[in-house]
Structures are given as structure tokens and as C-alpha cells.
Amino acid sequence: MPISSGTIKFISSLRQKKVRQNYHKFTAEGGRIVEELLGQSRYVVDHLYALESWVAELPGDPGVPLTTVTPKELGRISQLKTANQVLAVVDIPREAEQLPASIAEGWSLYLDGIQSPSNLGALLRIADWFGFHHVIGGPGTADLYNSKSVQASMGSFLRVHFRQGQLQEITERFPELPVFGADLNGENIYELQAPKQGLLVIGAEGPGVSQAARTQVQRWLTIPPAPGRQAESLNAAVAAGILCGGLRFGGK
């Protein structure tokens, strides 16, 4: 039975942030991400829409409502340029009001005005890779549940805890937590004796860390270029990856 025009219209409307917020739902696409969604408990899958070929390869009952669709129908509800076998409509979990105490127990990322959803997804993958269990999005940071953020994270949004927040809120709640920021004039990351926990602030490409956030940063870090290189700066995600690696595994 074909999916109704109303269902197609609703799923397509989840492209809009205000609709996602109103209904507390988002979409995730592709076999790998959907399989991970079905294997965890933090996110509740509301409904699956999948090609018959994907359904045929399921090892058993997925345990959630499932509608088999045609390639044309999947293309109409997909937010990808090329639809990818299966789309899940997922409930957005309610965010706890208070910052979790575990932020003070390891490394976390604070994103200051990272507007690109693709960059946000890449930063979640970096946090996941280096064991930064929390990522906090400051003012102006992209929406986690934008389809580009979800897809670019390659499933890391399932393992890294993301929430919106103010940097001052974090520093007031955890006054002993070291706060580092990325800046061209900072300390050499390769010479740093890194602590075992802290917060790394990453600013947007171009403007860098905002003035409001700069007042909360205690130490600045930089990635030195090779001698004679003329590049002005690194992509925010690339810089974050290098800095996260340096902080996780220490310097000298």
C-alpha cells in the first residue's frame, strides 16, 4: 500500500527546524545509521520507511512500525540527493535541564557559533573518535537534528551527548574545569602537558571564538604551521581534530 500524501508531506516538513521542534521528531537515513538506531535505547524510532530489498535483508523483526516503499516514494521523503534504502522518523529526546556532572570528569567540546550542519556532524565524529563524551553548542551553532548534521556525524550523534548551552553556564557550574580555546596566538599544542579533563572551545571559521566566549577561556592553544607555509587558517573541524588528539594524548 503506498504511503499517503499526508505522510509524505509531514516527513518532508521535518526539513524545517520549527517543525522538528514542534513535533519533537527528526529523520535519519541509510542502513548503517538506522541499524545503529535500532540497536540503542537513547533514541526511540517512531517509524521506518524502507525499500523491499533492505527489508528482505533484516535478520528479524525490527521491533518498530515498518512501511515498505518504492524507490520513487523514498525519493519523495528523503532529504538526501540520492535516497539511501531506508529512512527512520525518530523521536527527539527531552533534554535534562541541568548540565550533567560527567562534564567535569573528562574532556568536552564547546562549539561557539558553528553554523554549518556538516561541520557540526564532523565535529561530533571527532569528539566520538577522541572520547570527548559531551559536545555543547553555543549561540549560533547549527541544529543537531538537521539532516546534514545527522548524516555527517555517521552515527556519532548516538554516542556523543549533545546539548545547547552557554559557556558561562558551564564555567559557573564547574569552576575547577580547565577551559582551553583555539587561537592563532596560543600555546603550541604539541608542547602542552594536557590535564585529564577540560573543555575545548572551538570558534567559527573566520571570526573565531566570539568576544563573549573569550572572557571564559583560561588558556589558548594553537597548531603551528610548517615553516614557510602561507595558509591563513584551518577548517574548524580539522583544527578541532588536531587539538582534540593533542589534548587526549598529551604533549611532552
C-alpha atoms as a PDB file:
ATOM      1  CA  MET A   1       0.000   0.000   0.000  1.00  0.00           C
ATOM      2  CA  PRO A   2       1.519   3.368  -0.995  1.00  0.00           C
ATOM      3  CA  ILE A   3       2.237   5.892   1.731  1.00  0.00           C
ATOM      4  CA  SER A   4      -0.285   8.704   1.919  1.00  0.00           C
ATOM      5  CA  SER A   5       0.320  12.204   0.629  1.00  0.00           C
ATOM      6  CA  GLY A   6      -0.187  13.444   4.197  1.00  0.00           C
ATOM      7  CA  THR A   7       2.638  11.220   5.459  1.00  0.00           C
ATOM      8  CA  ILE A   8       4.917  12.376   2.647  1.00  0.00           C
ATOM      9  CA  LYS A   9       4.093  15.996   3.430  1.00  0.00           C
ATOM     10  CA  PHE A  10       4.761  15.542   7.157  1.00  0.00           C
ATOM     11  CA  ILE A  11       8.097  13.748   6.721  1.00  0.00           C
ATOM     12  CA  SER A  12       9.201  16.327   4.156  1.00  0.00           C
ATOM     13  CA  SER A  13       8.275  19.127   6.567  1.00  0.00           C
ATOM     14  CA  LEU A  14      10.833  17.799   9.068  1.00  0.00           C
ATOM     15  CA  ARG A  15      13.437  19.606   6.967  1.00  0.00           C
ATOM     16  CA  GLN A  16      12.358  22.696   8.895  1.00  0.00           C
ATOM     17  CA  LYS A  17      13.752  23.270  12.374  1.00  0.00           C
ATOM     18  CA  LYS A  18      10.488  24.707  13.702  1.00  0.00           C
ATOM     19  CA  VAL A  19       8.587  21.587  12.621  1.00  0.00           C
ATOM     20  CA  ARG A  20      11.178  19.305  14.234  1.00  0.00           C
ATOM     21  CA  GLN A  21      10.875  21.306  17.443  1.00  0.00           C
ATOM     22  CA  ASN A  22       7.068  21.326  17.375  1.00  0.00           C
ATOM     23  CA  TYR A  23       6.733  17.575  16.872  1.00  0.00           C
ATOM     24  CA  HIS A  24       9.990  16.513  18.585  1.00  0.00           C
ATOM     25  CA  LYS A  25      10.944  14.360  15.611  1.00  0.00           C
ATOM     26  CA  PHE A  26      13.741  14.180  13.039  1.00  0.00           C
ATOM     27  CA  THR A  27      14.815  11.884  10.230  1.00  0.00           C
ATOM     28  CA  ALA A  28      17.880   9.684   9.821  1.00  0.00           C
ATOM     29  CA  GLU A  29      18.749   7.842   6.632  1.00  0.00           C
ATOM     30  CA  GLY A  30      20.882   4.964   5.448  1.00  0.00           C
ATOM     31  CA  GLY A  31      21.269   1.366   6.522  1.00  0.00           C
ATOM     32  CA  ARG A  32      24.241   1.877   8.828  1.00  0.00           C
ATOM     33  CA  ILE A  33      22.754   4.738  10.861  1.00  0.00           C
ATOM     34  CA  VAL A  34      19.329   3.082  11.064  1.00  0.00           C
ATOM     35  CA  GLU A  35      20.848  -0.212  12.214  1.00  0.00           C
ATOM     36  CA  GLU A  36      22.696   1.658  14.972  1.00  0.00           C
ATOM     37  CA  LEU A  37      19.482   3.433  15.942  1.00  0.00           C
ATOM     38  CA  LEU A  38      17.691   0.106  16.283  1.00  0.00           C
ATOM     39  CA  GLY A  39      20.484  -1.233  18.492  1.00  0.00           C
ATOM     40  CA  GLN A  40      20.438   1.502  21.144  1.00  0.00           C
ATOM     41  CA  SER A  41      17.937   2.839  23.680  1.00  0.00           C
ATOM     42  CA  ARG A  42      18.598   6.578  23.912  1.00  0.00           C
ATOM     43  CA  TYR A  43      16.572   7.426  20.803  1.00  0.00           C
ATOM     44  CA  VAL A  44      13.152   5.945  20.049  1.00  0.00           C
ATOM     45  CA  VAL A  45      12.468   5.121  16.400  1.00  0.00           C
ATOM     46  CA  ASP A  46       8.902   6.105  15.571  1.00  0.00           C
ATOM     47  CA  HIS A  47       8.643   4.544  12.088  1.00  0.00           C
ATOM     48  CA  LEU A  48      10.781   3.050   9.335  1.00  0.00           C
ATOM     49  CA  TYR A  49      10.249   3.549   5.597  1.00  0.00           C
ATOM     50  CA  ALA A  50      12.381   1.157   3.587  1.00  0.00           C
ATOM     51  CA  LEU A  51      12.889  -0.414   0.191  1.00  0.00           C
ATOM     52  CA  GLU A  52      11.858  -4.045  -0.161  1.00  0.00           C
ATOM     53  CA  SER A  53      15.499  -5.029  -0.779  1.00  0.00           C
ATOM     54  CA  TRP A  54      16.525  -3.586   2.623  1.00  0.00           C
ATOM     55  CA  VAL A  55      13.599  -5.222   4.414  1.00  0.00           C
ATOM     56  CA  ALA A  56      14.492  -8.594   2.869  1.00  0.00           C
ATOM     57  CA  GLU A  57      17.947  -8.472   4.487  1.00  0.00           C
ATOM     58  CA  LEU A  58      16.682  -7.775   8.003  1.00  0.00           C
ATOM     59  CA  PRO A  59      17.691 -10.580  10.386  1.00  0.00           C
ATOM     60  CA  GLY A  60      14.329 -10.368  12.143  1.00  0.00           C
ATOM     61  CA  ASP A  61      11.519  -8.104  13.276  1.00  0.00           C
ATOM     62  CA  PRO A  62      12.951  -4.581  13.788  1.00  0.00           C
ATOM     63  CA  GLY A  63      10.537  -4.039  16.659  1.00  0.00           C
ATOM     64  CA  VAL A  64       9.160  -0.759  15.277  1.00  0.00           C
ATOM     65  CA  PRO A  65       6.468   0.092  12.699  1.00  0.00           C
ATOM     66  CA  LEU A  66       7.794  -0.534   9.198  1.00  0.00           C
ATOM     67  CA  THR A  67       6.393   0.522   5.836  1.00  0.00           C
ATOM     68  CA  THR A  68       7.826  -0.841   2.608  1.00  0.00           C
ATOM     69  CA  VAL A  69       8.113   1.884  -0.027  1.00  0.00           C
ATOM     70  CA  THR A  70       9.094   2.151  -3.670  1.00  0.00           C
ATOM     71  CA  PRO A  71      12.268   3.964  -4.766  1.00  0.00           C
ATOM     72  CA  LYS A  72      10.078   6.817  -6.004  1.00  0.00           C
ATOM     73  CA  GLU A  73       8.292   7.139  -2.657  1.00  0.00           C
ATOM     74  CA  LEU A  74      11.577   7.017  -0.747  1.00  0.00           C
ATOM     75  CA  GLY A  75      12.947   9.735  -3.003  1.00  0.00           C
ATOM     76  CA  ARG A  76       9.980  11.959  -2.168  1.00  0.00           C
ATOM     77  CA  ILE A  77      10.549  11.766   1.607  1.00  0.00           C
ATOM     78  CA  SER A  78      14.352  11.640   1.568  1.00  0.00           C
ATOM     79  CA  GLN A  79      16.426  14.706   2.418  1.00  0.00           C
ATOM     80  CA  LEU A  80      19.437  13.288   0.575  1.00  0.00           C
ATOM     81  CA  LYS A  81      20.279  13.974  -3.060  1.00  0.00           C
ATOM     82  CA  THR A  82      20.137  10.224  -3.602  1.00  0.00           C
ATOM     83  CA  ALA A  83      17.837   8.295  -1.262  1.00  0.00           C
ATOM     84  CA  ASN A  84      19.586   5.520   0.672  1.00  0.00           C
ATOM     85  CA  GLN A  85      17.419   2.391   1.148  1.00  0.00           C
ATOM     86  CA  VAL A  86      15.790   3.316   4.454  1.00  0.00           C
ATOM     87  CA  LEU A  87      14.565   6.378   6.340  1.00  0.00           C
ATOM     88  CA  ALA A  88      13.727   6.487  10.034  1.00  0.00           C
ATOM     89  CA  VAL A  89      11.482   9.004  11.747  1.00  0.00           C
ATOM     90  CA  VAL A  90      12.932   9.352  15.241  1.00  0.00           C
ATOM     91  CA  ASP A  91      11.742  10.999  18.454  1.00  0.00           C
ATOM     92  CA  ILE A  92      13.917  13.820  19.796  1.00  0.00           C
ATOM     93  CA  PRO A  93      14.666  13.015  23.457  1.00  0.00           C
ATOM     94  CA  ARG A  94      13.868  15.552  26.141  1.00  0.00           C
ATOM     95  CA  GLU A  95      16.969  17.391  27.299  1.00  0.00           C
ATOM     96  CA  ALA A  96      17.763  17.437  31.008  1.00  0.00           C
ATOM     97  CA  GLU A  97      17.560  20.944  32.438  1.00  0.00           C
ATOM     98  CA  GLN A  98      20.785  20.695  34.421  1.00  0.00           C
ATOM     99  CA  LEU A  99      24.247  20.154  32.975  1.00  0.00           C
ATOM    100  CA  PRO A 100      25.405  16.587  33.695  1.00  0.00           C
ATOM    101  CA  ALA A 101      28.097  16.211  36.352  1.00  0.00           C
ATOM    102  CA  SER A 102      30.068  13.953  33.995  1.00  0.00           C
ATOM    103  CA  ILE A 103      31.190  17.055  32.062  1.00  0.00           C
ATOM    104  CA  ALA A 104      33.734  17.624  34.838  1.00  0.00           C
ATOM    105  CA  GLU A 105      35.063  14.059  34.625  1.00  0.00           C
ATOM    106  CA  GLY A 106      36.628  14.096  31.159  1.00  0.00           C
ATOM    107  CA  TRP A 107      37.030  16.153  28.003  1.00  0.00           C
ATOM    108  CA  SER A 108      34.189  18.019  26.302  1.00  0.00           C
ATOM    109  CA  LEU A 109      33.825  20.325  23.294  1.00  0.00           C
ATOM    110  CA  TYR A 110      32.099  23.704  23.284  1.00  0.00           C
ATOM    111  CA  LEU A 111      31.119  24.958  19.823  1.00  0.00           C
ATOM    112  CA  ASP A 112      30.935  28.725  19.559  1.00  0.00           C
ATOM    113  CA  GLY A 113      28.807  29.717  16.575  1.00  0.00           C
ATOM    114  CA  ILE A 114      29.496  26.701  14.337  1.00  0.00           C
ATOM    115  CA  GLN A 115      26.751  27.435  11.815  1.00  0.00           C
ATOM    116  CA  SER A 116      27.405  24.684   9.272  1.00  0.00           C
ATOM    117  CA  PRO A 117      25.413  21.487   9.956  1.00  0.00           C
ATOM    118  CA  SER A 118      28.037  19.468   8.079  1.00  0.00           C
ATOM    119  CA  ASN A 119      30.784  20.905  10.284  1.00  0.00           C
ATOM    120  CA  LEU A 120      28.725  20.084  13.361  1.00  0.00           C
ATOM    121  CA  GLY A 121      28.390  16.486  12.200  1.00  0.00           C
ATOM    122  CA  ALA A 122      32.125  16.264  11.531  1.00  0.00           C
ATOM    123  CA  LEU A 123      32.886  17.684  14.988  1.00  0.00           C
ATOM    124  CA  LEU A 124      30.661  15.049  16.584  1.00  0.00           C
ATOM    125  CA  ARG A 125      32.665  12.351  14.782  1.00  0.00           C
ATOM    126  CA  ILE A 126      35.888  13.908  16.074  1.00  0.00           C
ATOM    127  CA  ALA A 127      34.535  14.048  19.622  1.00  0.00           C
ATOM    128  CA  ASP A 128      33.456  10.417  19.333  1.00  0.00           C
ATOM    129  CA  TRP A 129      36.863   9.324  17.997  1.00  0.00           C
ATOM    130  CA  PHE A 130      38.854  11.006  20.766  1.00  0.00           C
ATOM    131  CA  GLY A 131      36.493  10.169  23.616  1.00  0.00           C
ATOM    132  CA  PHE A 132      35.033  13.632  24.195  1.00  0.00           C
ATOM    133  CA  HIS A 133      31.706  12.468  25.597  1.00  0.00           C
ATOM    134  CA  HIS A 134      29.926  15.829  25.641  1.00  0.00           C
ATOM    135  CA  VAL A 135      29.529  18.480  22.942  1.00  0.00           C
ATOM    136  CA  ILE A 136      27.797  21.725  23.873  1.00  0.00           C
ATOM    137  CA  GLY A 137      26.508  24.004  21.139  1.00  0.00           C
ATOM    138  CA  GLY A 138      26.676  27.692  21.978  1.00  0.00           C
ATOM    139  CA  PRO A 139      24.627  30.522  20.434  1.00  0.00           C
ATOM    140  CA  GLY A 140      24.555  30.391  16.645  1.00  0.00           C
ATOM    141  CA  THR A 141      25.556  26.725  16.435  1.00  0.00           C
ATOM    142  CA  ALA A 142      23.692  24.536  13.943  1.00  0.00           C
ATOM    143  CA  ASP A 143      20.831  22.256  14.936  1.00  0.00           C
ATOM    144  CA  LEU A 144      21.900  18.709  15.790  1.00  0.00           C
ATOM    145  CA  TYR A 145      18.785  17.297  14.124  1.00  0.00           C
ATOM    146  CA  ASN A 146      19.304  18.995  10.783  1.00  0.00           C
ATOM    147  CA  SER A 147      19.624  16.080   8.348  1.00  0.00           C
ATOM    148  CA  LYS A 148      23.085  17.280   7.260  1.00  0.00           C
ATOM    149  CA  SER A 149      24.305  17.190  10.872  1.00  0.00           C
ATOM    150  CA  VAL A 150      22.890  13.710  11.403  1.00  0.00           C
ATOM    151  CA  GLN A 151      24.328  12.284   8.190  1.00  0.00           C
ATOM    152  CA  ALA A 152      27.749  13.944   8.580  1.00  0.00           C
ATOM    153  CA  SER A 153      28.080  12.533  12.096  1.00  0.00           C
ATOM    154  CA  MET A 154      27.995   8.984  10.653  1.00  0.00           C
ATOM    155  CA  GLY A 155      26.175   7.765  13.744  1.00  0.00           C
ATOM    156  CA  SER A 156      28.347   9.610  16.269  1.00  0.00           C
ATOM    157  CA  PHE A 157      25.340  11.639  17.439  1.00  0.00           C
ATOM    158  CA  LEU A 158      24.160   8.384  19.043  1.00  0.00           C
ATOM    159  CA  ARG A 159      27.281   8.076  21.199  1.00  0.00           C
ATOM    160  CA  VAL A 160      28.199  11.690  21.979  1.00  0.00           C
ATOM    161  CA  HIS A 161      25.865  13.685  24.219  1.00  0.00           C
ATOM    162  CA  PHE A 162      24.971  16.986  22.553  1.00  0.00           C
ATOM    163  CA  ARG A 163      23.077  19.863  24.098  1.00  0.00           C
ATOM    164  CA  GLN A 164      22.691  23.595  23.655  1.00  0.00           C
ATOM    165  CA  GLY A 165      24.190  25.804  26.345  1.00  0.00           C
ATOM    166  CA  GLN A 166      26.068  28.922  27.343  1.00  0.00           C
ATOM    167  CA  LEU A 167      29.775  28.787  28.113  1.00  0.00           C
ATOM    168  CA  GLN A 168      29.309  30.931  31.212  1.00  0.00           C
ATOM    169  CA  GLU A 169      26.748  28.435  32.489  1.00  0.00           C
ATOM    170  CA  ILE A 170      29.372  25.676  32.259  1.00  0.00           C
ATOM    171  CA  THR A 171      32.178  27.649  33.900  1.00  0.00           C
ATOM    172  CA  GLU A 172      29.897  28.696  36.760  1.00  0.00           C
ATOM    173  CA  ARG A 173      28.708  25.128  37.338  1.00  0.00           C
ATOM    174  CA  PHE A 174      32.222  23.661  37.075  1.00  0.00           C
ATOM    175  CA  PRO A 175      34.636  26.392  38.255  1.00  0.00           C
ATOM    176  CA  GLU A 176      37.557  23.946  38.550  1.00  0.00           C
ATOM    177  CA  LEU A 177      37.247  22.729  34.949  1.00  0.00           C
ATOM    178  CA  PRO A 178      40.130  23.994  32.753  1.00  0.00           C
ATOM    179  CA  VAL A 179      38.846  25.867  29.692  1.00  0.00           C
ATOM    180  CA  PHE A 180      41.006  25.939  26.563  1.00  0.00           C
ATOM    181  CA  GLY A 181      40.362  27.847  23.358  1.00  0.00           C
ATOM    182  CA  ALA A 182      41.689  27.662  19.812  1.00  0.00           C
ATOM    183  CA  ASP A 183      43.584  30.777  18.706  1.00  0.00           C
ATOM    184  CA  LEU A 184      46.431  31.523  16.295  1.00  0.00           C
ATOM    185  CA  ASN A 185      48.410  33.153  19.109  1.00  0.00           C
ATOM    186  CA  GLY A 186      48.031  30.384  21.678  1.00  0.00           C
ATOM    187  CA  GLU A 187      50.408  27.837  23.201  1.00  0.00           C
ATOM    188  CA  ASN A 188      51.818  25.159  20.921  1.00  0.00           C
ATOM    189  CA  ILE A 189      49.524  22.123  21.275  1.00  0.00           C
ATOM    190  CA  TYR A 190      52.489  19.813  20.713  1.00  0.00           C
ATOM    191  CA  GLU A 191      54.303  21.221  23.747  1.00  0.00           C
ATOM    192  CA  LEU A 192      51.356  21.130  26.121  1.00  0.00           C
ATOM    193  CA  GLN A 193      51.224  18.861  29.150  1.00  0.00           C
ATOM    194  CA  ALA A 194      47.493  18.257  28.945  1.00  0.00           C
ATOM    195  CA  PRO A 195      45.303  17.659  32.008  1.00  0.00           C
ATOM    196  CA  LYS A 196      42.989  14.652  32.146  1.00  0.00           C
ATOM    197  CA  GLN A 197      39.837  16.718  31.861  1.00  0.00           C
ATOM    198  CA  GLY A 198      38.760  20.049  30.475  1.00  0.00           C
ATOM    199  CA  LEU A 199      36.677  21.932  27.955  1.00  0.00           C
ATOM    200  CA  LEU A 200      37.898  22.900  24.483  1.00  0.00           C
ATOM    201  CA  VAL A 201      36.223  25.904  22.831  1.00  0.00           C
ATOM    202  CA  ILE A 202      36.129  25.897  19.022  1.00  0.00           C
ATOM    203  CA  GLY A 203      35.023  29.051  17.203  1.00  0.00           C
ATOM    204  CA  ALA A 204      33.566  29.522  13.757  1.00  0.00           C
ATOM    205  CA  GLU A 205      35.814  29.789  10.733  1.00  0.00           C
ATOM    206  CA  GLY A 206      36.675  33.402  10.056  1.00  0.00           C
ATOM    207  CA  PRO A 207      35.572  35.179  13.235  1.00  0.00           C
ATOM    208  CA  GLY A 208      36.959  32.511  15.566  1.00  0.00           C
ATOM    209  CA  VAL A 209      35.924  32.444  19.215  1.00  0.00           C
ATOM    210  CA  SER A 210      33.432  35.210  20.000  1.00  0.00           C
ATOM    211  CA  GLN A 211      34.247  38.016  22.398  1.00  0.00           C
ATOM    212  CA  ALA A 212      31.667  36.758  24.895  1.00  0.00           C
ATOM    213  CA  ALA A 213      33.226  33.291  24.930  1.00  0.00           C
ATOM    214  CA  ARG A 214      36.783  34.649  25.078  1.00  0.00           C
ATOM    215  CA  THR A 215      36.145  36.041  28.553  1.00  0.00           C
ATOM    216  CA  GLN A 216      35.620  32.476  29.816  1.00  0.00           C
ATOM    217  CA  VAL A 217      38.718  30.891  28.234  1.00  0.00           C
ATOM    218  CA  GLN A 218      41.699  30.380  30.551  1.00  0.00           C
ATOM    219  CA  ARG A 219      44.357  29.143  28.119  1.00  0.00           C
ATOM    220  CA  TRP A 220      44.744  29.425  24.365  1.00  0.00           C
ATOM    221  CA  LEU A 221      46.129  26.743  22.075  1.00  0.00           C
ATOM    222  CA  THR A 222      47.438  26.895  18.536  1.00  0.00           C
ATOM    223  CA  ILE A 223      48.556  24.445  15.860  1.00  0.00           C
ATOM    224  CA  PRO A 224      51.879  25.646  14.437  1.00  0.00           C
ATOM    225  CA  PRO A 225      52.219  25.518  10.639  1.00  0.00           C
ATOM    226  CA  ALA A 226      55.233  24.107   8.851  1.00  0.00           C
ATOM    227  CA  PRO A 227      57.925  26.736   8.165  1.00  0.00           C
ATOM    228  CA  GLY A 228      57.169  28.933   5.173  1.00  0.00           C
ATOM    229  CA  ARG A 229      53.513  27.937   4.817  1.00  0.00           C
ATOM    230  CA  GLN A 230      51.100  30.715   3.820  1.00  0.00           C
ATOM    231  CA  ALA A 231      47.652  29.277   4.637  1.00  0.00           C
ATOM    232  CA  GLU A 232      45.748  31.675   6.886  1.00  0.00           C
ATOM    233  CA  SER A 233      43.924  29.096   8.971  1.00  0.00           C
ATOM    234  CA  LEU A 234      42.490  25.588   9.179  1.00  0.00           C
ATOM    235  CA  ASN A 235      38.908  24.431   8.788  1.00  0.00           C
ATOM    236  CA  ALA A 236      37.214  24.374  12.220  1.00  0.00           C
ATOM    237  CA  ALA A 237      36.734  20.607  12.162  1.00  0.00           C
ATOM    238  CA  VAL A 238      40.319  19.952  11.034  1.00  0.00           C
ATOM    239  CA  ALA A 239      41.692  22.208  13.771  1.00  0.00           C
ATOM    240  CA  ALA A 240      39.436  20.585  16.351  1.00  0.00           C
ATOM    241  CA  GLY A 241      40.643  17.130  15.343  1.00  0.00           C
ATOM    242  CA  ILE A 242      44.300  18.055  15.824  1.00  0.00           C
ATOM    243  CA  LEU A 243      43.639  19.819  19.125  1.00  0.00           C
ATOM    244  CA  CYS A 244      41.458  17.009  20.469  1.00  0.00           C
ATOM    245  CA  GLY A 245      44.176  14.498  19.660  1.00  0.00           C
ATOM    246  CA  GLY A 246      46.779  16.636  21.398  1.00  0.00           C
ATOM    247  CA  LEU A 247      44.639  17.078  24.493  1.00  0.00           C
ATOM    248  CA  ARG A 248      43.624  13.432  24.680  1.00  0.00           C
ATOM    249  CA  PHE A 249      47.119  12.022  24.314  1.00  0.00           C
ATOM    250  CA  GLY A 250      49.083  14.856  25.923  1.00  0.00           C
ATOM    251  CA  GLY A 251      52.169  16.731  24.819  1.00  0.00           C
ATOM    252  CA  LYS A 252      55.670  16.276  26.111  1.00  0.00           C
END
